[in-house]
Amino acid sequence: MNSTATIKPWGSFVSFTNNEVSTVKLLYITKGEEFSLQYHLNRDEFWRVIKGSPKIIIGEKTLDSHEGEEFFVPAGTNHRVGAPVDDVVILEISKGVFDENDIVRLEDKYNRI
């Protein structure tokens, strides 16, 4: 999934989905926290960093990211977002069969495995 910019005389807009079934969330990660290292069997995820400088893990890559950066997480791929520097807000768009129980946790500092 890629975002697409459309130029208009008044400026522009960015499309993330178009006539597709999807689930859209804003993830708020508090400074010093992170969510589980996890994967999903039934959905892909698109992330756009709205606020902050998160530490992003996707597969074998660990990235220090910044506002405006975008990431794609295919189903079955390990992933995590942490907020080591400041509070973080991530726009998440999931495509596929969405179910909050479709989380396979590999590591979790909150003892939810």
N, C-alpha and C. Protein backbone atom coordinates (compact mmCIF):
# COMPACT_ATOMS: atom_id res chain seq x y z
N MET A 1 0.85 -1.16 0.00
CA MET A 1 0.00 0.00 0.00
C MET A 1 0.90 1.23 0.00
N ASN A 2 0.72 2.09 -0.93
CA ASN A 2 1.44 3.35 -0.99
C ASN A 2 0.45 4.49 -0.92
N SER A 3 0.84 5.57 -0.25
CA SER A 3 -0.01 6.75 -0.27
C SER A 3 0.21 7.45 -1.61
N THR A 4 -0.84 8.07 -2.11
CA THR A 4 -0.78 8.72 -3.40
C THR A 4 -1.19 10.18 -3.25
N ALA A 5 -0.35 11.10 -3.69
CA ALA A 5 -0.67 12.53 -3.62
C ALA A 5 -1.36 12.97 -4.90
N THR A 6 -2.39 13.78 -4.75
CA THR A 6 -3.09 14.39 -5.87
C THR A 6 -2.98 15.90 -5.73
N ILE A 7 -2.45 16.54 -6.75
CA ILE A 7 -2.27 17.99 -6.74
C ILE A 7 -3.56 18.67 -7.19
N LYS A 8 -3.95 19.69 -6.45
CA LYS A 8 -5.13 20.51 -6.76
C LYS A 8 -4.70 21.97 -6.80
N PRO A 9 -5.53 22.85 -7.37
CA PRO A 9 -5.15 24.26 -7.41
C PRO A 9 -4.99 24.87 -6.01
N TRP A 10 -5.71 24.32 -5.03
CA TRP A 10 -5.67 24.84 -3.66
C TRP A 10 -4.60 24.19 -2.81
N GLY A 11 -3.90 23.16 -3.35
CA GLY A 11 -2.89 22.42 -2.59
C GLY A 11 -2.85 20.99 -3.06
N SER A 12 -3.06 20.06 -2.14
CA SER A 12 -3.05 18.63 -2.51
C SER A 12 -3.74 17.81 -1.44
N PHE A 13 -4.01 16.55 -1.76
CA PHE A 13 -4.45 15.60 -0.76
C PHE A 13 -3.74 14.28 -1.00
N VAL A 14 -3.68 13.47 0.05
CA VAL A 14 -3.02 12.18 -0.03
C VAL A 14 -4.06 11.10 0.25
N SER A 15 -4.18 10.12 -0.65
CA SER A 15 -5.09 8.99 -0.48
C SER A 15 -4.31 7.80 0.06
N PHE A 16 -4.92 7.10 1.00
CA PHE A 16 -4.30 5.90 1.56
C PHE A 16 -5.05 4.64 1.14
N THR A 17 -6.36 4.72 1.01
CA THR A 17 -7.16 3.62 0.48
C THR A 17 -8.21 4.23 -0.44
N ASN A 18 -8.74 3.42 -1.34
CA ASN A 18 -9.77 3.90 -2.25
C ASN A 18 -10.75 2.77 -2.49
N ASN A 19 -11.94 2.89 -1.92
CA ASN A 19 -12.99 1.89 -2.07
C ASN A 19 -12.54 0.49 -1.67
N GLU A 20 -11.78 0.40 -0.58
CA GLU A 20 -11.28 -0.88 -0.08
C GLU A 20 -11.74 -1.06 1.35
N VAL A 21 -11.96 -2.32 1.73
CA VAL A 21 -12.26 -2.61 3.12
C VAL A 21 -10.97 -2.46 3.92
N SER A 22 -11.03 -1.63 4.97
CA SER A 22 -9.84 -1.42 5.78
C SER A 22 -10.26 -0.99 7.18
N THR A 23 -9.33 -1.07 8.11
CA THR A 23 -9.52 -0.57 9.47
C THR A 23 -8.47 0.50 9.71
N VAL A 24 -8.90 1.65 10.17
CA VAL A 24 -8.00 2.79 10.37
C VAL A 24 -7.94 3.10 11.86
N LYS A 25 -6.71 3.20 12.39
CA LYS A 25 -6.52 3.51 13.81
C LYS A 25 -5.40 4.53 13.96
N LEU A 26 -5.42 5.24 15.07
CA LEU A 26 -4.28 6.02 15.52
C LEU A 26 -3.71 5.31 16.73
N LEU A 27 -2.43 4.99 16.68
CA LEU A 27 -1.75 4.36 17.80
C LEU A 27 -1.00 5.43 18.58
N TYR A 28 -1.21 5.49 19.88
CA TYR A 28 -0.52 6.44 20.75
C TYR A 28 0.42 5.64 21.65
N ILE A 29 1.72 5.83 21.47
CA ILE A 29 2.72 5.12 22.27
C ILE A 29 3.40 6.15 23.16
N THR A 30 3.31 5.92 24.46
CA THR A 30 3.87 6.83 25.45
C THR A 30 5.39 6.72 25.50
N LYS A 31 6.07 7.85 25.68
CA LYS A 31 7.53 7.88 25.77
C LYS A 31 8.01 6.80 26.74
N GLY A 32 8.99 6.03 26.29
CA GLY A 32 9.57 4.97 27.11
C GLY A 32 8.86 3.63 26.98
N GLU A 33 7.77 3.58 26.23
CA GLU A 33 7.00 2.33 26.07
C GLU A 33 7.14 1.79 24.65
N GLU A 34 6.64 0.58 24.46
CA GLU A 34 6.64 -0.08 23.15
C GLU A 34 5.54 -1.12 23.16
N PHE A 35 5.05 -1.47 21.97
CA PHE A 35 4.11 -2.58 21.97
C PHE A 35 4.85 -3.88 21.68
N SER A 36 4.15 -4.99 21.79
CA SER A 36 4.75 -6.32 21.64
C SER A 36 5.47 -6.46 20.31
N LEU A 37 6.55 -7.25 20.31
CA LEU A 37 7.08 -7.76 19.05
C LEU A 37 6.08 -8.82 18.64
N GLN A 38 5.45 -8.64 17.48
CA GLN A 38 4.29 -9.44 17.11
C GLN A 38 4.18 -9.58 15.61
N TYR A 39 3.24 -10.43 15.19
CA TYR A 39 2.85 -10.50 13.79
C TYR A 39 1.38 -10.87 13.72
N HIS A 40 0.80 -10.67 12.54
CA HIS A 40 -0.61 -10.98 12.30
C HIS A 40 -0.68 -11.97 11.14
N LEU A 41 -1.58 -12.91 11.23
CA LEU A 41 -1.74 -13.91 10.18
C LEU A 41 -2.64 -13.42 9.04
N ASN A 42 -3.60 -12.55 9.37
CA ASN A 42 -4.68 -12.25 8.43
C ASN A 42 -4.76 -10.81 7.96
N ARG A 43 -3.76 -10.00 8.24
CA ARG A 43 -3.84 -8.62 7.77
C ARG A 43 -2.47 -8.01 7.52
N ASP A 44 -2.43 -7.11 6.54
CA ASP A 44 -1.27 -6.26 6.27
C ASP A 44 -1.53 -4.94 6.98
N GLU A 45 -0.45 -4.22 7.31
CA GLU A 45 -0.59 -2.92 7.92
C GLU A 45 0.27 -1.88 7.21
N PHE A 46 -0.28 -0.70 7.07
CA PHE A 46 0.43 0.47 6.58
C PHE A 46 0.55 1.43 7.76
N TRP A 47 1.74 1.97 7.99
CA TRP A 47 1.94 2.94 9.06
C TRP A 47 2.48 4.24 8.50
N ARG A 48 2.00 5.34 9.05
CA ARG A 48 2.58 6.66 8.78
C ARG A 48 2.82 7.32 10.13
N VAL A 49 4.05 7.79 10.35
CA VAL A 49 4.40 8.45 11.60
C VAL A 49 3.79 9.85 11.58
N ILE A 50 2.88 10.10 12.50
CA ILE A 50 2.20 11.39 12.60
C ILE A 50 2.96 12.31 13.56
N LYS A 51 3.47 11.75 14.64
CA LYS A 51 4.15 12.56 15.65
C LYS A 51 5.26 11.74 16.29
N GLY A 52 6.38 12.37 16.56
CA GLY A 52 7.45 11.76 17.32
C GLY A 52 8.52 11.10 16.48
N SER A 53 9.43 10.43 17.18
CA SER A 53 10.57 9.76 16.56
C SER A 53 10.62 8.31 17.03
N PRO A 54 9.75 7.46 16.49
CA PRO A 54 9.67 6.09 16.97
C PRO A 54 10.84 5.21 16.51
N LYS A 55 11.06 4.16 17.27
CA LYS A 55 11.95 3.07 16.87
C LYS A 55 11.02 2.01 16.27
N ILE A 56 11.26 1.67 15.01
CA ILE A 56 10.39 0.76 14.26
C ILE A 56 11.16 -0.52 13.97
N ILE A 57 10.53 -1.66 14.26
CA ILE A 57 11.08 -2.95 13.85
C ILE A 57 10.10 -3.57 12.87
N ILE A 58 10.60 -3.92 11.68
CA ILE A 58 9.82 -4.65 10.68
C ILE A 58 10.73 -5.74 10.15
N GLY A 59 10.35 -6.99 10.41
CA GLY A 59 11.19 -8.11 10.00
C GLY A 59 12.53 -8.04 10.72
N GLU A 60 13.61 -8.08 9.97
CA GLU A 60 14.96 -8.04 10.54
C GLU A 60 15.51 -6.62 10.66
N LYS A 61 14.75 -5.62 10.20
CA LYS A 61 15.24 -4.24 10.20
C LYS A 61 14.76 -3.48 11.43
N THR A 62 15.67 -2.71 12.03
CA THR A 62 15.34 -1.78 13.10
C THR A 62 15.68 -0.38 12.60
N LEU A 63 14.70 0.52 12.64
CA LEU A 63 14.85 1.85 12.06
C LEU A 63 14.49 2.93 13.07
N ASP A 64 15.28 3.99 13.11
CA ASP A 64 14.92 5.19 13.84
C ASP A 64 14.18 6.07 12.84
N SER A 65 12.91 6.35 13.10
CA SER A 65 12.11 7.05 12.10
C SER A 65 11.65 8.41 12.60
N HIS A 66 11.01 9.15 11.71
CA HIS A 66 10.61 10.53 11.99
C HIS A 66 9.24 10.80 11.40
N GLU A 67 8.68 11.91 11.80
CA GLU A 67 7.36 12.31 11.31
C GLU A 67 7.31 12.32 9.79
N GLY A 68 6.23 11.76 9.25
CA GLY A 68 6.02 11.74 7.81
C GLY A 68 6.49 10.46 7.14
N GLU A 69 7.31 9.66 7.81
CA GLU A 69 7.78 8.42 7.18
C GLU A 69 6.67 7.39 7.16
N GLU A 70 6.71 6.52 6.14
CA GLU A 70 5.68 5.51 5.93
C GLU A 70 6.31 4.13 5.85
N PHE A 71 5.57 3.12 6.33
CA PHE A 71 6.06 1.75 6.37
C PHE A 71 4.94 0.80 6.00
N PHE A 72 5.30 -0.33 5.39
CA PHE A 72 4.35 -1.39 5.07
C PHE A 72 4.77 -2.65 5.80
N VAL A 73 3.82 -3.28 6.48
CA VAL A 73 4.08 -4.51 7.23
C VAL A 73 3.19 -5.61 6.65
N PRO A 74 3.76 -6.52 5.85
CA PRO A 74 2.95 -7.62 5.30
C PRO A 74 2.53 -8.59 6.40
N ALA A 75 1.40 -9.24 6.19
CA ALA A 75 0.95 -10.28 7.12
C ALA A 75 2.07 -11.29 7.34
N GLY A 76 2.22 -11.75 8.57
CA GLY A 76 3.24 -12.74 8.90
C GLY A 76 4.61 -12.16 9.21
N THR A 77 4.76 -10.84 9.16
CA THR A 77 6.05 -10.19 9.39
C THR A 77 6.11 -9.65 10.82
N ASN A 78 7.19 -9.97 11.54
CA ASN A 78 7.39 -9.46 12.89
C ASN A 78 7.47 -7.94 12.84
N HIS A 79 6.86 -7.28 13.84
CA HIS A 79 6.92 -5.83 13.88
C HIS A 79 6.70 -5.31 15.30
N ARG A 80 7.20 -4.08 15.52
CA ARG A 80 7.05 -3.41 16.81
C ARG A 80 7.28 -1.92 16.61
N VAL A 81 6.60 -1.11 17.41
CA VAL A 81 6.87 0.32 17.48
C VAL A 81 7.16 0.66 18.93
N GLY A 82 8.26 1.39 19.14
CA GLY A 82 8.62 1.88 20.46
C GLY A 82 8.78 3.39 20.43
N ALA A 83 8.73 3.98 21.62
CA ALA A 83 8.84 5.44 21.75
C ALA A 83 9.98 5.78 22.71
N PRO A 84 11.24 5.58 22.30
CA PRO A 84 12.36 5.79 23.23
C PRO A 84 12.66 7.25 23.54
N VAL A 85 12.26 8.18 22.66
CA VAL A 85 12.67 9.58 22.78
C VAL A 85 11.52 10.49 23.23
N ASP A 86 10.32 10.24 22.67
CA ASP A 86 9.18 11.11 22.92
C ASP A 86 7.90 10.34 22.65
N ASP A 87 6.76 10.95 22.99
CA ASP A 87 5.48 10.32 22.68
C ASP A 87 5.35 10.19 21.16
N VAL A 88 4.70 9.12 20.73
CA VAL A 88 4.60 8.81 19.30
C VAL A 88 3.13 8.59 18.93
N VAL A 89 2.76 9.07 17.75
CA VAL A 89 1.44 8.79 17.18
C VAL A 89 1.67 8.20 15.79
N ILE A 90 1.05 7.04 15.55
CA ILE A 90 1.16 6.33 14.27
C ILE A 90 -0.24 6.17 13.69
N LEU A 91 -0.41 6.54 12.42
CA LEU A 91 -1.62 6.21 11.67
C LEU A 91 -1.43 4.79 11.17
N GLU A 92 -2.37 3.90 11.51
CA GLU A 92 -2.30 2.51 11.06
C GLU A 92 -3.52 2.20 10.22
N ILE A 93 -3.29 1.68 9.01
CA ILE A 93 -4.37 1.24 8.14
C ILE A 93 -4.15 -0.25 7.89
N SER A 94 -5.10 -1.05 8.34
CA SER A 94 -5.01 -2.50 8.19
C SER A 94 -5.91 -2.95 7.05
N LYS A 95 -5.40 -3.86 6.23
CA LYS A 95 -6.18 -4.47 5.15
C LYS A 95 -6.13 -5.97 5.31
N GLY A 96 -7.24 -6.61 5.05
CA GLY A 96 -7.38 -8.04 5.26
C GLY A 96 -8.48 -8.25 6.29
N VAL A 97 -8.48 -9.40 6.91
CA VAL A 97 -9.48 -9.70 7.94
C VAL A 97 -8.97 -9.11 9.26
N PHE A 98 -9.67 -8.07 9.76
CA PHE A 98 -9.23 -7.42 10.98
C PHE A 98 -9.88 -8.06 12.19
N ASP A 99 -9.05 -8.42 13.16
CA ASP A 99 -9.51 -8.98 14.42
C ASP A 99 -8.42 -8.68 15.44
N GLU A 100 -8.76 -7.99 16.53
CA GLU A 100 -7.75 -7.66 17.55
C GLU A 100 -7.10 -8.91 18.14
N ASN A 101 -7.75 -10.05 18.02
CA ASN A 101 -7.17 -11.30 18.53
C ASN A 101 -6.19 -11.94 17.55
N ASP A 102 -6.02 -11.35 16.38
CA ASP A 102 -5.06 -11.85 15.38
C ASP A 102 -3.67 -11.27 15.67
N ILE A 103 -3.23 -11.45 16.91
CA ILE A 103 -1.91 -10.98 17.32
C ILE A 103 -1.15 -12.19 17.86
N VAL A 104 -0.01 -12.48 17.25
CA VAL A 104 0.88 -13.51 17.78
C VAL A 104 2.05 -12.76 18.40
N ARG A 105 2.10 -12.76 19.74
CA ARG A 105 3.16 -12.02 20.44
C ARG A 105 4.40 -12.90 20.60
N LEU A 106 5.54 -12.33 20.24
CA LEU A 106 6.82 -13.02 20.36
C LEU A 106 7.60 -12.55 21.59
N GLU A 107 7.50 -11.25 21.88
CA GLU A 107 8.10 -10.64 23.08
C GLU A 107 7.10 -9.61 23.59
N ASP A 108 7.02 -9.48 24.93
CA ASP A 108 6.08 -8.51 25.49
C ASP A 108 6.51 -8.14 26.89
N LYS A 109 6.86 -6.89 27.13
CA LYS A 109 7.33 -6.47 28.44
C LYS A 109 6.20 -6.35 29.46
N TYR A 110 4.95 -6.55 29.04
CA TYR A 110 3.80 -6.45 29.91
C TYR A 110 3.26 -7.84 30.28
N ASN A 111 4.03 -8.89 30.00
CA ASN A 111 3.68 -10.28 30.35
C ASN A 111 2.34 -10.73 29.78
N ARG A 112 2.11 -10.45 28.48
CA ARG A 112 0.87 -10.88 27.83
C ARG A 112 1.08 -12.06 26.89
N ILE A 113 2.19 -12.74 26.99
CA ILE A 113 2.42 -13.90 26.12
C ILE A 113 1.82 -15.13 26.78
